[in-house]
Protein backbone atom coordinates (compact mmCIF):
# COMPACT_ATOMS: atom_id res chain seq x y z
CA MET A 1 -0.41 -0.31 0.07
CA THR A 2 2.88 2.53 0.89
CA ARG A 3 4.64 1.58 -1.80
CA GLY A 4 1.35 2.23 -4.39
CA TRP A 5 1.27 5.68 -2.52
CA SER A 6 4.39 6.14 -3.10
CA ARG A 7 3.92 6.55 -6.98
CA LEU A 8 0.85 8.32 -7.16
CA SER A 9 3.07 10.89 -5.23
CA TRP A 10 5.74 10.74 -7.53
CA LEU A 11 3.19 10.42 -10.41
CA LEU A 12 1.10 13.59 -9.12
CA ALA A 13 5.33 15.76 -8.35
CA GLY A 14 6.16 14.73 -12.49
CA LEU A 15 2.82 16.25 -13.17
CA LEU A 16 2.96 19.17 -11.17
CA VAL A 17 6.53 19.90 -12.38
CA LEU A 18 5.21 19.54 -16.22
CA ALA A 19 2.80 22.23 -15.28
CA GLY A 20 4.48 24.21 -13.23
CA ALA A 21 7.45 24.67 -16.35
CA ALA A 22 4.30 24.88 -18.97
CA LEU A 23 3.17 28.30 -16.89
CA HIS A 24 6.78 29.67 -16.97
CA PHE A 25 7.32 28.92 -20.74
CA TRP A 26 4.16 30.42 -21.37
CA TYR A 27 4.65 33.68 -19.27
CA TRP A 28 7.63 34.36 -20.28
CA TYR A 29 7.75 32.80 -23.78
CA GLY A 30 4.17 32.07 -25.08
CA PRO A 31 2.94 34.25 -27.32
CA ARG A 32 0.80 36.81 -25.33
CA PHE A 33 0.54 40.49 -24.11
CA HIS A 34 2.66 41.35 -21.95
CA ALA A 35 3.60 44.90 -20.73
CA LEU A 36 6.45 46.17 -18.36
CA PRO A 37 6.62 49.50 -16.27
CA VAL A 38 8.92 52.74 -17.94
CA GLU A 39 10.45 52.86 -14.84
CA GLU A 40 11.49 49.29 -14.81
CA SER A 41 13.01 49.68 -18.84
CA ARG A 42 17.15 49.94 -19.58
CA LEU A 43 16.43 50.86 -23.25
CA LEU A 44 14.16 53.97 -23.33
CA PRO A 45 16.40 55.91 -25.30
CA PRO A 46 16.71 59.53 -24.74
CA PRO A 47 14.04 61.49 -26.61
CA SER A 48 17.44 64.08 -27.69
CA GLU A 49 19.27 61.70 -29.34
CA VAL A 50 17.02 60.57 -31.93
CA GLU A 51 14.38 61.21 -35.06
CA THR A 52 11.97 58.20 -34.73
CA SER A 53 12.30 55.53 -32.63
CA ILE A 54 10.23 52.44 -30.68
CA TRP A 55 10.55 50.54 -27.56
CA LEU A 56 8.95 47.82 -26.61
CA PRO A 57 8.52 45.10 -23.72
CA TYR A 58 8.84 41.35 -23.97
CA PRO A 59 8.87 41.72 -27.81
CA HIS A 60 9.03 37.89 -28.91
CA GLN A 61 5.53 37.49 -26.69
CA ASN A 62 4.28 41.53 -27.61
CA TRP A 63 4.89 40.90 -31.56
CA LYS A 64 3.60 37.53 -31.85
CA ALA A 65 0.57 37.33 -30.17
CA LEU A 66 0.02 41.25 -32.48
CA GLU A 67 0.54 38.85 -35.65
CA ARG A 68 -2.10 36.45 -34.75
CA GLU A 69 -4.88 39.61 -34.46
CA LEU A 70 -3.52 40.81 -37.38
CA VAL A 71 -5.08 39.42 -40.85
CA ASP A 72 -1.76 40.46 -42.08
CA PRO A 73 0.51 42.34 -40.58
CA GLU A 74 3.31 43.15 -43.36
CA GLU A 75 0.09 44.64 -45.18
CA LEU A 76 -1.02 46.33 -42.24
CA VAL A 77 2.28 48.33 -41.55
CA ALA A 78 2.31 49.46 -44.76
CA ALA A 79 -0.83 50.90 -44.84
CA ALA A 80 -0.20 52.89 -41.31
CA GLY A 81 2.92 53.87 -42.42
CA ARG A 82 1.27 55.39 -45.62
CA LEU A 83 -1.85 57.33 -43.74
CA LEU A 84 0.51 58.94 -41.75
CA GLY A 85 3.23 60.16 -44.70
CA ARG A 86 6.32 57.26 -44.14
CA GLU A 87 6.58 55.57 -47.27
CA GLY A 88 8.04 52.23 -47.40
CA LEU A 89 7.38 51.45 -43.79
CA ARG A 90 7.57 47.59 -43.21
CA LEU A 91 8.11 45.32 -39.78
CA PRO A 92 11.75 44.97 -38.62
CA ARG A 93 13.78 41.86 -39.45
CA LEU A 94 16.60 40.35 -37.53
CA GLU A 95 17.54 38.19 -40.23
CA PRO A 96 18.30 34.75 -39.52
CA PHE A 97 17.19 34.52 -36.54
CA GLY A 98 14.01 36.84 -35.63
CA ILE A 99 13.41 38.50 -32.19
CA PRO A 100 14.81 36.17 -29.09
CA PRO A 101 13.91 36.23 -26.34
CA SER A 102 14.18 39.09 -24.65
CA ARG A 103 12.81 41.99 -21.91
CA GLU A 104 12.42 44.61 -23.58
CA ALA A 105 13.67 46.19 -27.24
CA SER A 106 14.36 49.53 -28.95
CA LEU A 107 14.72 50.15 -32.40
CA ARG A 108 16.38 53.96 -33.19
CA VAL A 109 16.35 55.82 -36.51
CA PHE A 110 19.13 58.89 -36.17
CA PRO A 111 18.88 62.04 -37.40
CA ARG A 112 22.44 61.63 -39.81
CA GLY A 113 20.82 57.63 -41.11
CA GLY A 114 22.28 56.29 -38.82
CA ARG A 115 19.64 52.77 -37.42
CA SER A 116 19.98 50.89 -34.09
CA ILE A 117 18.35 48.26 -32.68
CA GLN A 118 19.04 47.32 -29.09
CA LEU A 119 17.77 43.70 -27.37
CA ALA A 120 17.77 42.82 -23.07
CA VAL A 121 18.37 39.29 -24.11
CA TYR A 122 17.23 36.46 -21.47
CA PRO A 123 20.23 35.37 -19.99
CA LEU A 124 20.06 31.93 -20.89
CA VAL A 125 19.66 32.13 -24.28
CA ARG A 126 22.52 35.19 -23.86
CA TRP A 127 25.53 32.43 -22.78
CA SER A 128 24.28 30.13 -25.43
CA SER A 129 23.91 32.24 -28.00
CA ARG A 130 27.51 33.21 -27.56
CA ILE A 131 28.46 30.09 -27.22
CA ALA A 132 26.69 28.82 -30.11
CA GLY A 133 28.57 32.55 -31.61
CA GLU A 134 32.11 30.87 -30.94
CA LEU A 135 31.81 27.84 -32.09
CA ALA A 136 29.99 28.62 -35.33
CA GLY A 137 32.05 31.62 -36.10
CA ASN A 138 28.43 33.57 -36.16
CA PRO A 139 29.16 37.54 -36.12
CA TRP A 140 25.78 37.61 -36.05
CA LEU A 141 25.76 35.93 -32.40
CA ARG A 142 29.16 36.35 -30.85
CA GLY A 143 29.77 40.19 -31.95
CA GLY A 144 31.32 41.27 -35.20
CA ALA A 145 31.06 42.85 -38.66
CA VAL A 146 27.54 42.19 -40.32
CA ARG A 147 25.53 43.76 -42.96
CA TYR A 148 21.93 44.48 -41.98
CA ASP A 149 19.59 45.86 -44.69
CA GLY A 150 22.32 45.66 -47.38
CA ASP A 151 24.07 48.51 -44.96
CA PRO A 152 27.14 47.86 -42.75
CA ALA A 153 26.90 47.54 -39.16
CA SER A 154 28.11 45.95 -35.64
CA VAL A 155 27.15 43.50 -33.92
CA THR A 156 28.21 43.99 -29.96
CA TRP A 157 27.46 42.57 -26.71
CA SER A 158 27.29 45.17 -23.59
CA SER A 159 26.06 44.32 -19.83
CA GLY A 160 23.95 41.48 -21.66
CA VAL A 161 22.23 44.08 -24.02
CA TRP A 162 22.82 42.76 -27.95
CA ARG A 163 23.36 45.71 -30.45
CA VAL A 164 22.67 46.25 -33.56
CA GLU A 165 24.47 49.60 -35.72
CA SER A 166 24.81 50.90 -38.60
CA SER A 167 27.98 52.12 -39.65
CA SER A 168 26.08 55.96 -39.32
CA THR A 169 24.61 55.32 -35.90
CA PRO A 170 26.36 58.05 -32.93
CA PRO A 171 28.64 56.21 -29.96
CA PRO A 172 26.13 54.44 -28.01
CA GLY A 173 25.13 55.70 -24.44
CA ALA A 174 24.69 53.54 -21.20
CA PRO A 175 21.38 51.47 -21.53
CA GLY A 176 18.57 53.39 -19.27
CA ALA A 177 19.78 56.48 -20.68
CA GLY A 178 15.69 57.05 -21.05
CA GLU A 179 13.64 59.75 -19.65
CA VAL A 180 10.81 58.18 -17.32
CA PRO A 181 8.05 61.19 -15.86
CA ALA A 182 8.63 61.08 -12.27
CA GLY A 183 6.19 58.87 -10.48
CA SER A 184 5.05 57.09 -13.48
CA GLU A 185 3.77 53.75 -12.98
CA ALA A 186 1.94 53.54 -16.27
CA ARG A 187 2.00 49.88 -18.03
CA VAL A 188 2.50 50.12 -21.91
CA TRP A 189 2.13 48.14 -24.92
CA ALA A 190 4.89 49.89 -26.86
CA ARG A 191 6.36 53.47 -27.29
CA LEU A 192 6.78 56.09 -30.15
CA SER A 193 9.00 59.19 -29.91
CA SER A 194 9.95 61.08 -33.10
CA ASP A 195 11.19 64.66 -33.75
CA ARG A 196 8.92 65.44 -36.34
CA ALA A 197 4.98 65.02 -37.04
CA LEU A 198 3.64 61.72 -37.84
CA GLY A 199 0.81 62.31 -40.05
CA PRO A 200 -1.72 64.81 -38.34
CA LEU A 201 0.24 63.93 -34.75
CA PRO A 202 2.68 66.33 -33.53
CA ALA A 203 6.05 65.69 -33.18
CA GLY A 204 6.55 64.03 -29.91
CA ARG A 205 6.18 60.64 -27.60
CA TYR A 206 3.24 58.66 -26.92
CA ASP A 207 2.40 54.89 -25.34
CA LEU A 208 0.38 52.90 -26.62
CA THR A 209 -2.07 51.01 -23.70
CA MET A 210 -5.03 49.40 -23.01
CA GLU A 211 -8.65 50.76 -21.32
CA GLY A 212 -10.42 47.17 -21.74
CA ALA A 213 -11.15 46.31 -25.50
CA TRP A 214 -9.87 49.45 -26.78
CA ALA A 215 -6.68 50.79 -28.06
CA ARG A 216 -5.35 54.29 -26.91
CA LEU A 217 -2.11 56.37 -28.00
CA THR A 218 -1.66 59.34 -25.90
CA PRO A 219 1.53 61.34 -25.18
CA VAL A 220 3.28 59.89 -22.64
CA GLY A 221 2.21 61.00 -18.65
CA ARG A 222 -0.46 62.18 -19.76
CA GLU A 223 -4.24 59.89 -18.59
CA ALA A 224 -7.18 62.00 -20.30
CA SER A 225 -9.66 59.85 -21.74
CA VAL A 226 -11.66 61.26 -25.71
CA PRO A 227 -14.99 62.02 -25.32
CA ARG A 228 -17.01 59.22 -25.43
CA LEU A 229 -18.87 59.11 -29.16
CA PRO A 230 -22.83 60.15 -30.08
CA GLU A 231 -25.15 57.39 -31.39
CA GLY A 232 -23.98 56.27 -34.81
CA VAL A 233 -21.34 58.01 -35.28
CA VAL A 234 -18.70 55.06 -35.63
CA LEU A 235 -15.27 57.45 -36.38
CA ALA A 236 -14.48 61.57 -35.17
CA VAL A 237 -11.37 63.04 -36.06
CA ALA A 238 -10.72 66.94 -34.40
CA GLU A 239 -8.24 69.66 -34.64
CA ARG A 240 -7.99 73.18 -32.44
CA ARG A 241 -5.26 75.34 -34.02
CA GLU A 242 -5.37 78.80 -31.63
CA SER A 243 -9.22 79.12 -31.51
CA ASP A 244 -10.14 77.22 -34.38
CA LEU A 245 -11.88 73.62 -34.03
CA ARG A 246 -12.11 71.19 -36.83
CA LEU A 247 -13.68 68.31 -37.19
CA PHE A 248 -14.59 65.69 -39.29
CA VAL A 249 -17.35 62.78 -38.48
CA LEU A 250 -17.98 59.49 -39.83
CA ALA A 251 -21.50 58.27 -39.03
CA GLU A 252 -23.53 54.79 -40.65
CA GLY A 253 -27.39 55.36 -41.69
CA SER A 254 -26.97 57.07 -44.54
CA PRO A 255 -29.81 57.22 -46.94
CA LEU A 256 -27.13 57.28 -49.87
CA GLY A 257 -26.37 54.57 -52.33
CA VAL A 258 -24.60 53.34 -54.83
CA ALA A 259 -24.04 50.17 -57.23
CA GLY A 260 -25.37 48.00 -54.15
CA ILE A 261 -23.03 49.71 -51.61
CA ARG A 262 -24.39 51.59 -48.41
CA LEU A 263 -22.03 54.65 -48.34
CA PRO A 264 -21.34 56.29 -44.82
CA GLY A 265 -22.79 59.63 -43.74
CA PHE A 266 -19.95 62.22 -43.98
CA LEU A 267 -19.68 65.55 -41.79
CA THR A 268 -16.79 67.94 -41.29
CA VAL A 269 -17.52 71.21 -39.67
CA ALA A 270 -14.01 73.90 -41.11
CA ARG A 271 -13.81 77.46 -40.72
CA ASP A 272 -14.77 77.94 -44.69
CA ARG A 273 -15.71 75.88 -48.09
CA GLY A 274 -12.35 75.33 -48.86
CA GLU A 275 -11.30 74.32 -45.59
CA ALA A 276 -13.75 71.48 -45.21
CA ALA A 277 -12.93 70.41 -48.76
CA ALA A 278 -9.53 69.56 -47.50
CA TRP A 279 -10.52 68.51 -44.63
CA PHE A 280 -13.20 66.20 -46.08
CA PRO A 281 -12.05 62.76 -47.01
CA GLY A 282 -15.05 62.05 -49.22
CA HIS A 283 -15.68 65.17 -50.65
CA ASP A 284 -15.04 64.79 -54.44
CA LEU A 285 -16.86 61.56 -54.69
CA LEU A 286 -20.03 63.49 -53.06
CA ARG A 287 -19.11 66.09 -55.12
CA GLU A 288 -19.42 64.13 -58.06
CA LEU A 289 -22.83 62.62 -56.34
CA ASP A 290 -24.38 66.00 -56.37
CA ALA A 291 -24.40 65.30 -52.56
CA VAL A 292 -22.86 67.89 -50.69
CA HIS A 293 -25.29 70.00 -48.32
CA THR A 294 -23.85 72.98 -46.24
CA ARG A 295 -24.97 74.46 -43.00
CA PRO A 296 -23.48 78.32 -41.22
CA ARG A 297 -22.85 77.75 -37.98
CA ALA A 298 -23.76 80.79 -35.53
CA ASP A 299 -19.72 80.56 -34.77
CA GLY A 300 -18.72 81.79 -37.90
CA SER A 301 -17.68 77.99 -39.42
CA LEU A 302 -19.13 76.38 -41.84
CA ALA A 303 -20.98 72.56 -41.71
CA VAL A 304 -20.80 70.30 -44.51
CA ALA A 305 -22.56 66.59 -44.63
CA SER A 306 -23.70 64.35 -46.80
CA ASP A 307 -26.76 64.39 -45.41
CA GLU A 308 -29.04 67.10 -44.33
CA THR A 309 -29.95 64.95 -41.04
CA LEU A 310 -26.24 64.88 -39.67
CA PHE A 311 -26.21 68.28 -38.96
CA PRO A 312 -27.43 67.92 -35.26
CA LEU A 313 -24.71 65.57 -34.26
CA ALA A 314 -22.28 68.91 -35.26
CA SER A 315 -23.12 70.89 -32.65
CA ALA A 316 -23.71 68.36 -30.49
CA ILE A 317 -19.87 66.97 -31.03
CA VAL A 318 -17.94 70.41 -31.25
CA GLU A 319 -19.45 71.48 -27.87
CA SER A 320 -18.59 68.68 -25.98
CA TRP A 321 -14.86 67.93 -27.97
CA GLU A 322 -14.51 71.47 -28.07
CA ARG A 323 -14.79 72.14 -24.05
CA TRP A 324 -12.80 68.95 -23.89
CA MET A 325 -9.49 70.15 -25.94
CA VAL A 326 -9.31 73.35 -24.30
CA ARG A 327 -9.56 72.20 -20.73
CA GLU A 328 -6.83 68.99 -21.16
CA ARG A 329 -4.61 71.05 -24.41
CA VAL A 330 -4.96 69.01 -26.93
CA GLY A 331 -4.57 69.46 -30.33
CA ILE A 332 -5.85 66.60 -32.30
CA ALA A 333 -7.70 63.53 -31.04
CA ALA A 334 -9.65 60.98 -32.35
CA ARG A 335 -11.67 58.09 -31.44
CA VAL A 336 -12.89 55.19 -33.82
CA ARG A 337 -15.32 52.27 -33.24
CA ARG A 338 -13.56 49.99 -35.10
CA GLY A 339 -16.01 47.13 -36.28
CA GLU A 340 -18.34 49.76 -37.96
CA ALA A 341 -15.73 52.00 -39.27
CA ALA A 342 -13.67 49.27 -41.13
CA LEU A 343 -16.82 47.95 -42.72
CA LEU A 344 -18.05 51.43 -43.46
CA ALA A 345 -14.38 52.22 -45.08
CA ARG A 346 -14.61 48.61 -46.85
CA GLY A 347 -17.52 49.96 -48.58
CA VAL A 348 -16.14 53.36 -49.90
CA ALA A 349 -12.94 51.50 -50.98
CA GLU A 350 -15.18 48.78 -52.97
CA LEU A 351 -17.38 51.56 -54.26
CA LEU A 352 -14.12 53.49 -56.15
CA GLU A 353 -12.81 50.22 -57.22
CA GLU A 354 -15.90 49.97 -58.82
CA ILE A 355 -16.77 53.42 -60.02
CA PRO A 356 -13.28 56.08 -60.49
CA LEU A 357 -15.01 58.79 -58.74
CA ALA A 358 -12.25 60.42 -56.83
CA SER A 359 -8.40 60.18 -57.23
CA GLU A 360 -6.12 57.52 -57.00
CA ALA A 361 -4.76 59.05 -53.94
CA GLU A 362 -7.97 59.38 -52.12
CA HIS A 363 -8.51 55.38 -53.20
CA ARG A 364 -5.72 54.34 -51.85
CA ARG A 365 -6.24 56.33 -48.91
CA TRP A 366 -10.10 54.58 -48.26
CA ARG A 367 -8.09 51.22 -48.94
CA ASP A 368 -5.17 51.70 -46.08
CA GLY A 369 -7.18 53.25 -43.51
CA ALA A 370 -10.18 49.67 -44.05
CA THR A 371 -6.43 47.56 -44.18
CA VAL A 372 -6.37 49.55 -40.70
CA LEU A 373 -9.07 49.21 -39.10
CA SER A 374 -9.99 45.44 -40.22
CA SER A 375 -6.88 44.28 -39.18
CA LEU A 376 -7.00 44.31 -35.16
CA GLU A 377 -9.72 42.16 -35.23
CA SER A 378 -9.81 41.87 -31.32
CA LEU A 379 -10.15 45.68 -30.77
CA ASP A 380 -13.50 47.53 -30.46
CA GLY A 381 -11.62 50.47 -31.03
CA ILE A 382 -8.57 53.03 -31.01
CA LEU A 383 -8.39 56.58 -28.63
CA VAL A 384 -5.83 58.76 -30.44
CA TRP A 385 -4.88 62.15 -29.14
CA GLY A 386 -2.10 64.55 -29.39
CA PRO A 387 -0.99 67.93 -27.50
CA GLU A 388 -1.63 71.97 -28.86
CA GLY A 389 0.96 73.05 -30.50
CA GLY A 390 1.73 70.42 -33.49
């Protein structure tokens, strides 16, 4: 009997060890979203050193988890780059080894064209990689001269950080030189820094965080949330400069339909007709269809819409968003209900494919917008805002 219980005990102990090993592997290596407090980072770059940078905690986990959620990661990044005015943007590749298990990663582009990739690699992976590199004479693993994207580069190890630098990269500073706001306890999925505007976003530093099933891209250290959308509105973008507010709204339920495809409702508030047309993605299309309506507003601005029933939305959104933007010193903000907006954007893109009523550039913007909105299937929506003065 004792012998039988002993075998059972060993079996249970073995199962517990296996379960613990599986849990350990999932927590530290498996594809899942894994955040890191920014104050614990060693690789956040100083803003004054770089033109553009991206910081990612646990990149082997977060990127693999993101790839599972995306319809086409390569096309998503390319489409997002075009919308932000960055043609040719693509996924970072550390060929031929991919992304090794790491605590964090930093990708930097310097003003003179140099590039740098830094990875705080897990100790076991670091030791085994360096040993394998010495045995195989592989400079990607042991360190040495390599070619990265066809350009001369060097691989070095320092304080547990694996670093790839192009020949024009400035000398590296000590790890952990990046600035972290005092008392910051934010857990972020990524940090983006740029000394140039990224499309409509002003230059600055932005954190990507999660709020339930909503993704938030907001300035570092700022917690304000974008006001909610009225019923029937799936996207709103607002920009405030001095005392003027420009607003673009995409709504569902427009009675206009062409070629069996129902178009969304469009609404823009701007200073004049020319500015409204410039900020109104569907203006040229709707003008061709004789479906542009205008109405002066009491504050001297002009509302332009695809349907007169949308004008009451202008007052409701302008009042709440402008009050919030003034209070929080916000320069540009957007709130998107991802699923509905993706369907409407795809509908417009399909219409322009069938009937070329607008320019190829406008057609591509709608295709890119539909690609970005359709890709993140697990999200309910997206919140974006940038500080005033951009």
